[in-house]
Each structure stands twice: as C-alpha cells, then as structure tokens.
N, C-alpha and C. Protein backbone atom coordinates (compact mmCIF):
# COMPACT_ATOMS: atom_id res chain seq x y z
N MET A 1 -1.27 4.39 13.93
CA MET A 1 -2.56 5.25 12.70
C MET A 1 -2.47 4.49 11.53
N ILE A 2 -3.53 4.00 11.03
CA ILE A 2 -3.47 3.00 10.07
C ILE A 2 -4.31 4.53 8.95
N SER A 3 -3.31 4.12 7.51
CA SER A 3 -3.97 4.87 6.50
C SER A 3 -4.55 3.47 5.42
N VAL A 4 -5.57 4.69 4.85
CA VAL A 4 -6.29 3.67 3.68
C VAL A 4 -6.51 3.67 2.41
N PHE A 5 -5.39 3.14 1.16
CA PHE A 5 -5.72 4.13 0.30
C PHE A 5 -6.87 2.98 -1.02
N LYS A 6 -7.54 3.73 -1.99
CA LYS A 6 -8.59 3.32 -2.72
C LYS A 6 -6.89 2.70 -4.13
N THR A 7 -7.06 1.81 -4.48
CA THR A 7 -5.85 1.49 -5.44
C THR A 7 -6.30 1.23 -7.00
N ASN A 8 -5.52 1.05 -7.62
CA ASN A 8 -6.06 0.45 -8.92
C ASN A 8 -5.12 -0.66 -9.04
N VAL A 9 -4.51 -1.23 -8.13
CA VAL A 9 -3.75 -2.62 -8.06
C VAL A 9 -4.80 -3.70 -8.13
N THR A 10 -4.72 -4.76 -9.36
CA THR A 10 -5.95 -5.24 -9.33
C THR A 10 -5.65 -6.83 -9.11
N ASN A 11 -4.46 -7.34 -9.45
CA ASN A 11 -4.30 -9.22 -8.76
C ASN A 11 -2.69 -9.31 -8.36
N ALA A 12 -2.89 -10.14 -7.87
CA ALA A 12 -1.58 -10.29 -7.91
C ALA A 12 0.22 -10.53 -8.26
N THR A 13 -0.44 -10.32 -9.84
CA THR A 13 0.33 -10.17 -10.73
C THR A 13 1.00 -8.57 -10.35
N GLU A 14 0.21 -8.11 -10.76
CA GLU A 14 0.19 -6.03 -10.55
C GLU A 14 1.25 -6.60 -8.51
N LEU A 15 0.35 -6.74 -7.62
CA LEU A 15 1.31 -6.83 -6.60
C LEU A 15 2.54 -7.42 -6.54
N GLN A 16 3.13 -7.84 -6.83
CA GLN A 16 4.37 -8.94 -6.74
C GLN A 16 4.98 -7.66 -7.51
N LYS A 17 4.81 -7.05 -8.30
CA LYS A 17 5.54 -6.07 -9.75
C LYS A 17 5.61 -5.16 -8.64
N ILE A 18 4.87 -4.54 -7.91
CA ILE A 18 4.46 -3.35 -6.94
C ILE A 18 5.80 -3.32 -5.56
N LYS A 19 5.61 -4.98 -5.00
CA LYS A 19 5.65 -5.23 -3.93
C LYS A 19 7.32 -4.91 -3.02
N PRO A 20 8.29 -5.26 -4.08
CA PRO A 20 9.67 -4.64 -3.89
C PRO A 20 10.09 -3.23 -3.96
N PHE A 21 9.31 -2.72 -4.36
CA PHE A 21 9.28 -1.03 -4.40
C PHE A 21 8.76 -0.37 -3.24
N LEU A 22 7.37 -0.91 -2.65
CA LEU A 22 7.17 -0.88 -1.65
C LEU A 22 7.90 -0.87 -0.14
N ASP A 23 8.30 -2.30 -0.31
CA ASP A 23 9.47 -2.68 0.59
C ASP A 23 10.61 -1.85 0.78
N ILE A 24 11.02 -0.91 -0.13
CA ILE A 24 11.80 -0.46 0.41
C ILE A 24 11.99 0.78 1.11
N HIS A 25 10.86 1.59 -0.03
CA HIS A 25 10.08 3.13 0.31
C HIS A 25 9.45 3.31 1.87
N LEU A 26 9.10 1.52 1.89
CA LEU A 26 8.12 1.87 3.44
C LEU A 26 8.70 1.03 4.46
N LYS A 27 10.36 1.44 5.00
CA LYS A 27 10.64 0.63 5.98
C LYS A 27 10.13 0.45 6.87
N ASN A 28 9.93 -0.80 7.96
CA ASN A 28 9.47 -0.78 8.95
C ASN A 28 8.25 -0.34 9.33
N VAL A 29 7.24 -0.54 8.40
CA VAL A 29 5.90 -0.25 8.21
C VAL A 29 5.23 -1.69 7.91
N LYS A 30 3.77 -1.82 8.66
CA LYS A 30 2.95 -2.79 7.69
C LYS A 30 2.24 -2.25 7.07
N TRP A 31 1.89 -3.34 5.71
CA TRP A 31 1.29 -3.13 4.68
C TRP A 31 0.59 -4.22 4.02
N ASN A 32 -0.19 -3.97 3.84
CA ASN A 32 -1.15 -5.42 2.47
C ASN A 32 -2.08 -4.28 2.22
N PHE A 33 -2.61 -5.22 0.61
CA PHE A 33 -3.80 -4.80 0.01
C PHE A 33 -5.10 -6.07 0.30
N ASP A 34 -5.70 -5.78 0.28
CA ASP A 34 -7.12 -6.37 0.38
C ASP A 34 -7.73 -6.40 -1.28
N LEU A 35 -7.34 -7.35 -2.17
CA LEU A 35 -7.70 -7.09 -3.54
C LEU A 35 -9.00 -7.76 -3.40
N GLU A 36 -9.74 -8.21 -2.49
CA GLU A 36 -11.27 -8.48 -2.81
C GLU A 36 -12.07 -8.16 -2.55
N ASP A 37 -11.38 -6.40 -1.91
CA ASP A 37 -12.40 -5.36 -1.95
C ASP A 37 -12.90 -4.57 -3.06
N CYS A 38 -13.66 -4.16 -3.29
CA CYS A 38 -13.82 -3.51 -4.77
C CYS A 38 -13.26 -2.43 -4.99
N ASP A 39 -12.50 -2.09 -3.91
CA ASP A 39 -11.61 -0.47 -3.49
C ASP A 39 -9.74 -0.83 -3.87
N ASN A 40 -10.05 -1.91 -3.62
CA ASN A 40 -8.27 -2.94 -3.71
C ASN A 40 -7.61 -1.95 -2.99
N ILE A 41 -8.27 -1.67 -1.70
CA ILE A 41 -7.26 -0.82 -0.60
C ILE A 41 -5.94 -1.57 -0.16
N LEU A 42 -5.49 -0.20 -0.32
CA LEU A 42 -4.16 -0.70 0.53
C LEU A 42 -4.21 -0.37 2.14
N ARG A 43 -3.77 -0.85 2.67
CA ARG A 43 -4.00 -0.65 4.51
C ARG A 43 -2.03 -0.36 4.41
N ILE A 44 -2.02 0.43 5.71
CA ILE A 44 -0.73 0.52 6.17
C ILE A 44 -0.87 1.46 7.65
N GLU A 45 0.08 0.66 8.41
CA GLU A 45 0.29 0.71 9.92
C GLU A 45 1.43 1.31 9.80
N CYS A 46 1.41 2.70 10.79
CA CYS A 46 3.00 3.24 11.18
C CYS A 46 2.79 3.75 12.16
N SER A 47 3.31 4.43 12.89
CA SER A 47 3.26 5.23 13.91
C SER A 47 3.43 6.76 13.61
N LYS A 48 3.84 6.90 11.99
CA LYS A 48 3.68 8.31 11.61
C LYS A 48 2.43 8.63 10.42
N ILE A 49 1.92 9.36 9.64
CA ILE A 49 1.91 9.67 8.89
C ILE A 49 2.07 9.70 7.62
N VAL A 50 2.01 9.43 6.87
CA VAL A 50 2.35 8.16 5.65
C VAL A 50 1.80 8.64 4.40
N ALA A 51 0.81 9.13 4.20
CA ALA A 51 0.05 9.96 3.57
C ALA A 51 0.37 10.11 1.85
N LYS A 52 1.04 11.37 2.23
CA LYS A 52 1.73 11.88 1.26
C LYS A 52 3.13 11.31 0.38
N THR A 53 3.51 10.76 1.54
CA THR A 53 4.08 10.01 1.05
C THR A 53 4.16 8.70 0.02
N THR A 54 2.95 8.04 0.60
CA THR A 54 2.48 7.04 -0.22
C THR A 54 1.59 7.00 -1.29
N ILE A 55 0.82 8.38 -1.66
CA ILE A 55 0.22 9.13 -2.47
C ILE A 55 1.26 9.12 -3.74
N LYS A 56 2.32 9.66 -3.91
CA LYS A 56 3.88 9.96 -4.35
C LYS A 56 4.59 9.26 -4.69
N LEU A 57 4.48 7.60 -4.33
CA LEU A 57 4.88 6.52 -4.31
C LEU A 57 3.78 6.08 -5.15
N LEU A 58 2.79 6.18 -5.84
CA LEU A 58 1.91 5.12 -6.08
C LEU A 58 1.83 6.11 -7.32
C-alpha cells in the first residue's frame, strides 16, 4: 500500500531535521519526499495502513 501526504516540508534542510525521527518511528517502511512537487509530497510504502500514525507524527 502507498500512502501519500501533502506536507509543509519545503527544503532539504527541513528534511534532514525530521529524517531521524521518521526513521525511528517508521521502521521497515519505505518513505520519501518529493520536494519538487508543489505539495511537497511524502510517500510511504508499506504493507499496513500507517496514515493515522504518520499524521500524528508530523
């Protein structure tokens, strides 16, 4: 399953600040940001639904 979120992360500096946090809380999950997209998309690929958890984290 792929979940897509619009974020307010706008640059690589902000991404580097939250990366360790996401790595800890989203273990065994593929995630990435598309900062070139106008909505600064966060994509999460995993086998279970993580939408509520991700929204709480961010």
